[in-house]
Every structure is written in C-alpha cells, then in structure tokens.
Amino acid sequence: MHRTKSMEVLEQQYEGMLREAELNRLKKKALRADRKRLGTSRWASTVAWELARTLGTLRKFFKGPKYAG
C-alpha cells in the first residue's frame, strides 16, 4: 500500500513537470511571436522617422534663410 502511494505521488509530480515544461515552451513561442511583431512595427517606425526627418530637411531648404534681411 505504501509503495503504491509513493508511485502515485511520483507519477503526479512527473505529470506536473511535463505540464510545466509545456507551458514554458508555449511562453517561449509567444515571446518569439511578440518579438517578430514588434520588429515589424519597429521597422515601420524607423521608416516613418526617416521620412519625417527628410521632409523636415526639405522644408528648411525650400523655406530659405530665416533672416534674409
């Protein structure tokens, strides 16, 4: 009886470890997906920033000097 009880406990602990490992795998997968999604938006924000910077430079160029006299 005592031996059976300890086997049940060991099986439960093993199943718990398997569930925990599966949860960790799923969390890693979700983090990777988030990083990929963030990479796309990071790229888009970089492009938008570069466009705004270029447009600002062009605007300054066509506006001319502030104090033309």
PDB file of N, CA and C in Angstrom:
ATOM      1  N   MET A   1       0.824  -1.197   0.000  1.00  0.00           N
ATOM      2  CA  MET A   1       0.000   0.000   0.000  1.00  0.00           C
ATOM      3  C   MET A   1       0.865   1.257   0.000  1.00  0.00           C
ATOM      4  N   HIS A   2       1.846   1.287   0.867  1.00  0.00           N
ATOM      5  CA  HIS A   2       2.720   2.460   0.956  1.00  0.00           C
ATOM      6  C   HIS A   2       3.494   2.660  -0.343  1.00  0.00           C
ATOM      7  N   ARG A   3       3.941   1.571  -0.946  1.00  0.00           N
ATOM      8  CA  ARG A   3       4.698   1.653  -2.192  1.00  0.00           C
ATOM      9  C   ARG A   3       3.820   2.184  -3.328  1.00  0.00           C
ATOM     10  N   THR A   4       2.554   1.778  -3.371  1.00  0.00           N
ATOM     11  CA  THR A   4       1.629   2.238  -4.396  1.00  0.00           C
ATOM     12  C   THR A   4       1.391   3.734  -4.252  1.00  0.00           C
ATOM     13  N   LYS A   5       1.249   4.178  -3.048  1.00  0.00           N
ATOM     14  CA  LYS A   5       1.013   5.598  -2.791  1.00  0.00           C
ATOM     15  C   LYS A   5       2.188   6.430  -3.289  1.00  0.00           C
ATOM     16  N   SER A   6       3.392   5.975  -3.004  1.00  0.00           N
ATOM     17  CA  SER A   6       4.545   6.748  -3.430  1.00  0.00           C
ATOM     18  C   SER A   6       4.671   6.759  -4.954  1.00  0.00           C
ATOM     19  N   MET A   7       4.279   5.678  -5.632  1.00  0.00           N
ATOM     20  CA  MET A   7       4.309   5.647  -7.098  1.00  0.00           C
ATOM     21  C   MET A   7       3.300   6.651  -7.669  1.00  0.00           C
ATOM     22  N   GLU A   8       2.138   6.738  -7.044  1.00  0.00           N
ATOM     23  CA  GLU A   8       1.136   7.709  -7.486  1.00  0.00           C
ATOM     24  C   GLU A   8       1.652   9.136  -7.332  1.00  0.00           C
ATOM     25  N   VAL A   9       2.297   9.395  -6.208  1.00  0.00           N
ATOM     26  CA  VAL A   9       2.849  10.714  -5.964  1.00  0.00           C
ATOM     27  C   VAL A   9       3.928  11.027  -7.000  1.00  0.00           C
ATOM     28  N   LEU A  10       4.796  10.051  -7.286  1.00  0.00           N
ATOM     29  CA  LEU A  10       5.841  10.257  -8.284  1.00  0.00           C
ATOM     30  C   LEU A  10       5.237  10.513  -9.666  1.00  0.00           C
ATOM     31  N   GLU A  11       4.193   9.788 -10.009  1.00  0.00           N
ATOM     32  CA  GLU A  11       3.532   9.998 -11.304  1.00  0.00           C
ATOM     33  C   GLU A  11       2.915  11.395 -11.385  1.00  0.00           C
ATOM     34  N   GLN A  12       2.301  11.833 -10.291  1.00  0.00           N
ATOM     35  CA  GLN A  12       1.711  13.170 -10.275  1.00  0.00           C
ATOM     36  C   GLN A  12       2.784  14.244 -10.416  1.00  0.00           C
ATOM     37  N   GLN A  13       3.902  14.048  -9.732  1.00  0.00           N
ATOM     38  CA  GLN A  13       4.985  15.015  -9.837  1.00  0.00           C
ATOM     39  C   GLN A  13       5.539  15.039 -11.265  1.00  0.00           C
ATOM     40  N   TYR A  14       5.670  13.865 -11.870  1.00  0.00           N
ATOM     41  CA  TYR A  14       6.174  13.779 -13.237  1.00  0.00           C
ATOM     42  C   TYR A  14       5.220  14.482 -14.206  1.00  0.00           C
ATOM     43  N   GLU A  15       3.921  14.231 -14.047  1.00  0.00           N
ATOM     44  CA  GLU A  15       2.928  14.890 -14.900  1.00  0.00           C
ATOM     45  C   GLU A  15       2.956  16.407 -14.700  1.00  0.00           C
ATOM     46  N   GLY A  16       3.135  16.846 -13.475  1.00  0.00           N
ATOM     47  CA  GLY A  16       3.236  18.268 -13.188  1.00  0.00           C
ATOM     48  C   GLY A  16       4.450  18.888 -13.868  1.00  0.00           C
ATOM     49  N   MET A  17       5.571  18.179 -13.849  1.00  0.00           N
ATOM     50  CA  MET A  17       6.767  18.680 -14.517  1.00  0.00           C
ATOM     51  C   MET A  17       6.553  18.745 -16.027  1.00  0.00           C
ATOM     52  N   LEU A  18       5.861  17.758 -16.590  1.00  0.00           N
ATOM     53  CA  LEU A  18       5.571  17.776 -18.028  1.00  0.00           C
ATOM     54  C   LEU A  18       4.691  18.973 -18.395  1.00  0.00           C
ATOM     55  N   ARG A  19       3.673  19.229 -17.575  1.00  0.00           N
ATOM     56  CA  ARG A  19       2.799  20.383 -17.829  1.00  0.00           C
ATOM     57  C   ARG A  19       3.584  21.690 -17.742  1.00  0.00           C
ATOM     58  N   GLU A  20       4.448  21.793 -16.745  1.00  0.00           N
ATOM     59  CA  GLU A  20       5.256  22.999 -16.579  1.00  0.00           C
ATOM     60  C   GLU A  20       6.191  23.204 -17.777  1.00  0.00           C
ATOM     61  N   ALA A  21       6.795  22.111 -18.253  1.00  0.00           N
ATOM     62  CA  ALA A  21       7.682  22.213 -19.413  1.00  0.00           C
ATOM     63  C   ALA A  21       6.898  22.648 -20.649  1.00  0.00           C
ATOM     64  N   GLU A  22       5.702  22.128 -20.822  1.00  0.00           N
ATOM     65  CA  GLU A  22       4.876  22.512 -21.965  1.00  0.00           C
ATOM     66  C   GLU A  22       4.484  23.989 -21.883  1.00  0.00           C
ATOM     67  N   LEU A  23       4.136  24.442 -20.686  1.00  0.00           N
ATOM     68  CA  LEU A  23       3.806  25.860 -20.506  1.00  0.00           C
ATOM     69  C   LEU A  23       5.006  26.755 -20.837  1.00  0.00           C
ATOM     70  N   ASN A  24       6.197  26.330 -20.422  1.00  0.00           N
ATOM     71  CA  ASN A  24       7.397  27.110 -20.732  1.00  0.00           C
ATOM     72  C   ASN A  24       7.632  27.163 -22.234  1.00  0.00           C
ATOM     73  N   ARG A  25       7.405  26.052 -22.934  1.00  0.00           N
ATOM     74  CA  ARG A  25       7.560  26.049 -24.391  1.00  0.00           C
ATOM     75  C   ARG A  25       6.569  27.001 -25.043  1.00  0.00           C
ATOM     76  N   LEU A  26       5.332  26.986 -24.556  1.00  0.00           N
ATOM     77  CA  LEU A  26       4.314  27.875 -25.115  1.00  0.00           C
ATOM     78  C   LEU A  26       4.647  29.344 -24.852  1.00  0.00           C
ATOM     79  N   LYS A  27       5.167  29.637 -23.656  1.00  0.00           N
ATOM     80  CA  LYS A  27       5.547  31.014 -23.333  1.00  0.00           C
ATOM     81  C   LYS A  27       6.674  31.486 -24.245  1.00  0.00           C
ATOM     82  N   LYS A  28       7.669  30.615 -24.474  1.00  0.00           N
ATOM     83  CA  LYS A  28       8.769  30.983 -25.361  1.00  0.00           C
ATOM     84  C   LYS A  28       8.257  31.253 -26.767  1.00  0.00           C
ATOM     85  N   LYS A  29       7.343  30.413 -27.218  1.00  0.00           N
ATOM     86  CA  LYS A  29       6.781  30.579 -28.563  1.00  0.00           C
ATOM     87  C   LYS A  29       6.031  31.912 -28.664  1.00  0.00           C
ATOM     88  N   ALA A  30       5.273  32.243 -27.628  1.00  0.00           N
ATOM     89  CA  ALA A  30       4.528  33.512 -27.627  1.00  0.00           C
ATOM     90  C   ALA A  30       5.480  34.697 -27.604  1.00  0.00           C
ATOM     91  N   LEU A  31       6.565  34.600 -26.837  1.00  0.00           N
ATOM     92  CA  LEU A  31       7.534  35.691 -26.788  1.00  0.00           C
ATOM     93  C   LEU A  31       8.201  35.894 -28.144  1.00  0.00           C
ATOM     94  N   ARG A  32       8.519  34.792 -28.816  1.00  0.00           N
ATOM     95  CA  ARG A  32       9.121  34.906 -30.151  1.00  0.00           C
ATOM     96  C   ARG A  32       8.158  35.589 -31.111  1.00  0.00           C
ATOM     97  N   ALA A  33       6.880  35.224 -31.041  1.00  0.00           N
ATOM     98  CA  ALA A  33       5.883  35.839 -31.923  1.00  0.00           C
ATOM     99  C   ALA A  33       5.760  37.335 -31.623  1.00  0.00           C
ATOM    100  N   ASP A  34       5.805  37.705 -30.337  1.00  0.00           N
ATOM    101  CA  ASP A  34       5.740  39.120 -29.963  1.00  0.00           C
ATOM    102  C   ASP A  34       6.940  39.881 -30.497  1.00  0.00           C
ATOM    103  N   ARG A  35       8.117  39.264 -30.407  1.00  0.00           N
ATOM    104  CA  ARG A  35       9.317  39.931 -30.906  1.00  0.00           C
ATOM    105  C   ARG A  35       9.236  40.148 -32.404  1.00  0.00           C
ATOM    106  N   LYS A  36       8.716  39.163 -33.129  1.00  0.00           N
ATOM    107  CA  LYS A  36       8.575  39.315 -34.576  1.00  0.00           C
ATOM    108  C   LYS A  36       7.614  40.448 -34.895  1.00  0.00           C
ATOM    109  N   ARG A  37       6.502  40.506 -34.164  1.00  0.00           N
ATOM    110  CA  ARG A  37       5.516  41.562 -34.380  1.00  0.00           C
ATOM    111  C   ARG A  37       6.114  42.927 -34.042  1.00  0.00           C
ATOM    112  N   LEU A  38       6.869  43.004 -32.950  1.00  0.00           N
ATOM    113  CA  LEU A  38       7.500  44.260 -32.566  1.00  0.00           C
ATOM    114  C   LEU A  38       8.549  44.673 -33.587  1.00  0.00           C
ATOM    115  N   GLY A  39       9.233  43.711 -34.178  1.00  0.00           N
ATOM    116  CA  GLY A  39      10.228  44.015 -35.190  1.00  0.00           C
ATOM    117  C   GLY A  39       9.612  44.697 -36.386  1.00  0.00           C
ATOM    118  N   THR A  40       8.436  44.274 -36.774  1.00  0.00           N
ATOM    119  CA  THR A  40       7.758  44.892 -37.909  1.00  0.00           C
ATOM    120  C   THR A  40       7.377  46.325 -37.573  1.00  0.00           C
ATOM    121  N   SER A  41       6.811  46.562 -36.420  1.00  0.00           N
ATOM    122  CA  SER A  41       6.408  47.918 -36.062  1.00  0.00           C
ATOM    123  C   SER A  41       7.641  48.794 -35.837  1.00  0.00           C
ATOM    124  N   ARG A  42       8.729  48.206 -35.340  1.00  0.00           N
ATOM    125  CA  ARG A  42       9.962  48.955 -35.161  1.00  0.00           C
ATOM    126  C   ARG A  42      10.479  49.415 -36.519  1.00  0.00           C
ATOM    127  N   TRP A  43      10.408  48.526 -37.508  1.00  0.00           N
ATOM    128  CA  TRP A  43      10.829  48.868 -38.860  1.00  0.00           C
ATOM    129  C   TRP A  43       9.958  49.997 -39.406  1.00  0.00           C
ATOM    130  N   ALA A  44       8.649  49.876 -39.210  1.00  0.00           N
ATOM    131  CA  ALA A  44       7.728  50.900 -39.706  1.00  0.00           C
ATOM    132  C   ALA A  44       7.988  52.242 -39.024  1.00  0.00           C
ATOM    133  N   SER A  45       8.262  52.232 -37.733  1.00  0.00           N
ATOM    134  CA  SER A  45       8.514  53.496 -37.044  1.00  0.00           C
ATOM    135  C   SER A  45       9.840  54.102 -37.491  1.00  0.00           C
ATOM    136  N   THR A  46      10.822  53.266 -37.802  1.00  0.00           N
ATOM    137  CA  THR A  46      12.099  53.773 -38.307  1.00  0.00           C
ATOM    138  C   THR A  46      11.909  54.437 -39.658  1.00  0.00           C
ATOM    139  N   VAL A  47      11.141  53.808 -40.527  1.00  0.00           N
ATOM    140  CA  VAL A  47      10.865  54.382 -41.845  1.00  0.00           C
ATOM    141  C   VAL A  47      10.113  55.701 -41.699  1.00  0.00           C
ATOM    142  N   ALA A  48       9.119  55.727 -40.832  1.00  0.00           N
ATOM    143  CA  ALA A  48       8.346  56.952 -40.619  1.00  0.00           C
ATOM    144  C   ALA A  48       9.239  58.064 -40.079  1.00  0.00           C
ATOM    145  N   TRP A  49      10.143  57.744 -39.154  1.00  0.00           N
ATOM    146  CA  TRP A  49      11.037  58.747 -38.600  1.00  0.00           C
ATOM    147  C   TRP A  49      11.972  59.292 -39.675  1.00  0.00           C
ATOM    148  N   GLU A  50      12.518  58.393 -40.499  1.00  0.00           N
ATOM    149  CA  GLU A  50      13.414  58.826 -41.572  1.00  0.00           C
ATOM    150  C   GLU A  50      12.681  59.724 -42.573  1.00  0.00           C
ATOM    151  N   LEU A  51      11.446  59.372 -42.908  1.00  0.00           N
ATOM    152  CA  LEU A  51      10.659  60.212 -43.821  1.00  0.00           C
ATOM    153  C   LEU A  51      10.404  61.591 -43.222  1.00  0.00           C
ATOM    154  N   ALA A  52      10.041  61.633 -41.963  1.00  0.00           N
ATOM    155  CA  ALA A  52       9.779  62.913 -41.303  1.00  0.00           C
ATOM    156  C   ALA A  52      11.049  63.759 -41.255  1.00  0.00           C
ATOM    157  N   ARG A  53      12.177  63.123 -40.986  1.00  0.00           N
ATOM    158  CA  ARG A  53      13.447  63.844 -40.939  1.00  0.00           C
ATOM    159  C   ARG A  53      13.792  64.431 -42.308  1.00  0.00           C
ATOM    160  N   THR A  54      13.603  63.614 -43.350  1.00  0.00           N
ATOM    161  CA  THR A  54      13.890  64.072 -44.708  1.00  0.00           C
ATOM    162  C   THR A  54      12.955  65.206 -45.113  1.00  0.00           C
ATOM    163  N   LEU A  55      11.673  65.065 -44.798  1.00  0.00           N
ATOM    164  CA  LEU A  55      10.714  66.129 -45.121  1.00  0.00           C
ATOM    165  C   LEU A  55      11.043  67.422 -44.368  1.00  0.00           C
ATOM    166  N   GLY A  56      11.475  67.302 -43.127  1.00  0.00           N
ATOM    167  CA  GLY A  56      11.864  68.486 -42.365  1.00  0.00           C
ATOM    168  C   GLY A  56      13.057  69.184 -42.988  1.00  0.00           C
ATOM    169  N   THR A  57      14.017  68.399 -43.453  1.00  0.00           N
ATOM    170  CA  THR A  57      15.188  68.975 -44.110  1.00  0.00           C
ATOM    171  C   THR A  57      14.792  69.678 -45.408  1.00  0.00           C
ATOM    172  N   LEU A  58      13.925  69.049 -46.195  1.00  0.00           N
ATOM    173  CA  LEU A  58      13.469  69.661 -47.447  1.00  0.00           C
ATOM    174  C   LEU A  58      12.683  70.947 -47.183  1.00  0.00           C
ATOM    175  N   ARG A  59      11.858  70.917 -46.152  1.00  0.00           N
ATOM    176  CA  ARG A  59      11.076  72.101 -45.811  1.00  0.00           C
ATOM    177  C   ARG A  59      11.990  73.261 -45.442  1.00  0.00           C
ATOM    178  N   LYS A  60      13.043  72.970 -44.667  1.00  0.00           N
ATOM    179  CA  LYS A  60      14.007  74.009 -44.300  1.00  0.00           C
ATOM    180  C   LYS A  60      14.693  74.551 -45.547  1.00  0.00           C
ATOM    181  N   PHE A  61      15.045  73.668 -46.456  1.00  0.00           N
ATOM    182  CA  PHE A  61      15.760  74.071 -47.659  1.00  0.00           C
ATOM    183  C   PHE A  61      14.902  75.008 -48.509  1.00  0.00           C
ATOM    184  N   PHE A  62      13.628  74.651 -48.714  1.00  0.00           N
ATOM    185  CA  PHE A  62      12.768  75.458 -49.569  1.00  0.00           C
ATOM    186  C   PHE A  62      12.245  76.717 -48.881  1.00  0.00           C
ATOM    187  N   LYS A  63      12.256  76.729 -47.581  1.00  0.00           N
ATOM    188  CA  LYS A  63      11.796  77.889 -46.839  1.00  0.00           C
ATOM    189  C   LYS A  63      12.797  79.036 -46.955  1.00  0.00           C
ATOM    190  N   GLY A  64      14.055  78.738 -47.081  1.00  0.00           N
ATOM    191  CA  GLY A  64      15.077  79.754 -47.202  1.00  0.00           C
ATOM    192  C   GLY A  64      15.555  80.215 -45.850  1.00  0.00           C
ATOM    193  N   PRO A  65      16.485  81.133 -45.861  1.00  0.00           N
ATOM    194  CA  PRO A  65      17.009  81.633 -44.576  1.00  0.00           C
ATOM    195  C   PRO A  65      15.949  82.418 -43.820  1.00  0.00           C
ATOM    196  N   LYS A  66      15.996  82.324 -42.513  1.00  0.00           N
ATOM    197  CA  LYS A  66      15.010  82.977 -41.669  1.00  0.00           C
ATOM    198  C   LYS A  66      15.159  84.502 -41.720  1.00  0.00           C
ATOM    199  N   TYR A  67      16.394  84.962 -41.664  1.00  0.00           N
ATOM    200  CA  TYR A  67      16.659  86.394 -41.647  1.00  0.00           C
ATOM    201  C   TYR A  67      17.302  86.791 -42.970  1.00  0.00           C
ATOM    202  N   ALA A  68      16.490  87.019 -44.007  1.00  0.00           N
ATOM    203  CA  ALA A  68      17.015  87.352 -45.318  1.00  0.00           C
ATOM    204  C   ALA A  68      17.346  88.841 -45.414  1.00  0.00           C
ATOM    205  N   GLY A  69      16.921  89.592 -44.495  1.00  0.00           N
ATOM    206  CA  GLY A  69      17.340  90.943 -44.403  1.00  0.00           C
ATOM    207  C   GLY A  69      16.408  91.936 -44.850  1.00  0.00           C
TER     208      GLY A  69
END
